[in-house]
């Protein structure tokens, strides 16, 4: 992804989609490349020499041309160093510095005023296919995270696009040094701040709708994100989650038992789970990370950071559908609830949001996840029957 770390995560393999595994492999390559003394570059490509000197030993690649053009037009001088930092099956990575770098006060770094370094991803495929959704998701998270020491540390996206004169694309973002998960109370509070950020043009949601500007993926599963109507509330959220989250996953799963209980016992009465969220408690769109589990949580510059998202605008409670493998303890919830108190019907709705991710895991990995999904749906049926 976009972060580098001096240590290695141990991640449970059963939670990884094919796409996520590719990203994890890329991250591992990045860690090795940036932290291993065994990693060396060819003598003709000295990392200590400016790009202008390097070109005497090797011709500029299409990516080099794009980086030089971007640095010059942005007022950052030229490329100082461009260090290969690993690759995956779908992209290559570089750590890049420029001769006249911007200050990190330009980013939401909490005011450390350091010189910005850049992390560059490149691919032989088009920007629309590779980096458009990622750039929009990161930019929305960056806008909603806010600044200050109690905000999430999200990298700023500087530019992305296709090569001007050849096939391929690139994404330029702020370089962050990733460390391990730190203060859970700070993480809970920072997540609440992102959830509380209003929908806006800067954050990519000028109409206050649920959904997102592009469809994306959760793991390797397509995640449809059609916009609802402007100024959407609880009614629109119920329809969105019914059709484009649970309904979508059930179509992919093809499990008759789950589909039957959903279609006949839950979906027609889904509104009963949201009776406490009307009037002044009407659901308003919150920006969601969308796939928040322990493997997507770390820290950077002493602040909590989350990554590898499946971003969309939704009900903030839907963020906790993966909490069964996120390790959120009392301190996390204390931090989050200090800004967003728990709503009355939260525990009744929790199986709904869990079911989405259990169904997705079944669609990715098969096996026992379908039993967990059935259990959540049966639980919802019992809760709805009790509301009669």
Foldseek 3Di string as FASTA:
>chain_A
DQAEEQDDDDDDPLVAFPQRVQVNVQRVQLHCCVHPPPHDDPPLQDQQAAPVSSCVSPPDDLVQVVQQVLCVVVVQAGWGGWAWRGAGPFKTKTKTDTPRFAFCVVAQLAPPRHGWIKMKIKGLAFCVVPPPVVLLLLQLLRVQQHHHQLGAHGKHWDDKGARPPHGMIMTMITYFYWAFFDQLLSVLQNLLSQQPRFAPVSSQGNQQWWFHPAWDADRNHTQHGDTDGGPDWDVRQLVCCLCRFVVVLCVLLVDVLLVVLCVPQDSVQVCVLCPQQDDVNIFTWGKEQAHAAQVQWTGTSNHIYGDPGRIITHGSLLNCLHVVHHPRDPSNVVSNCVNPNDGPSSVLCNLVSVLRVLSVSCSRNNPPSVVSNSVSSVSNSVVSVVVD
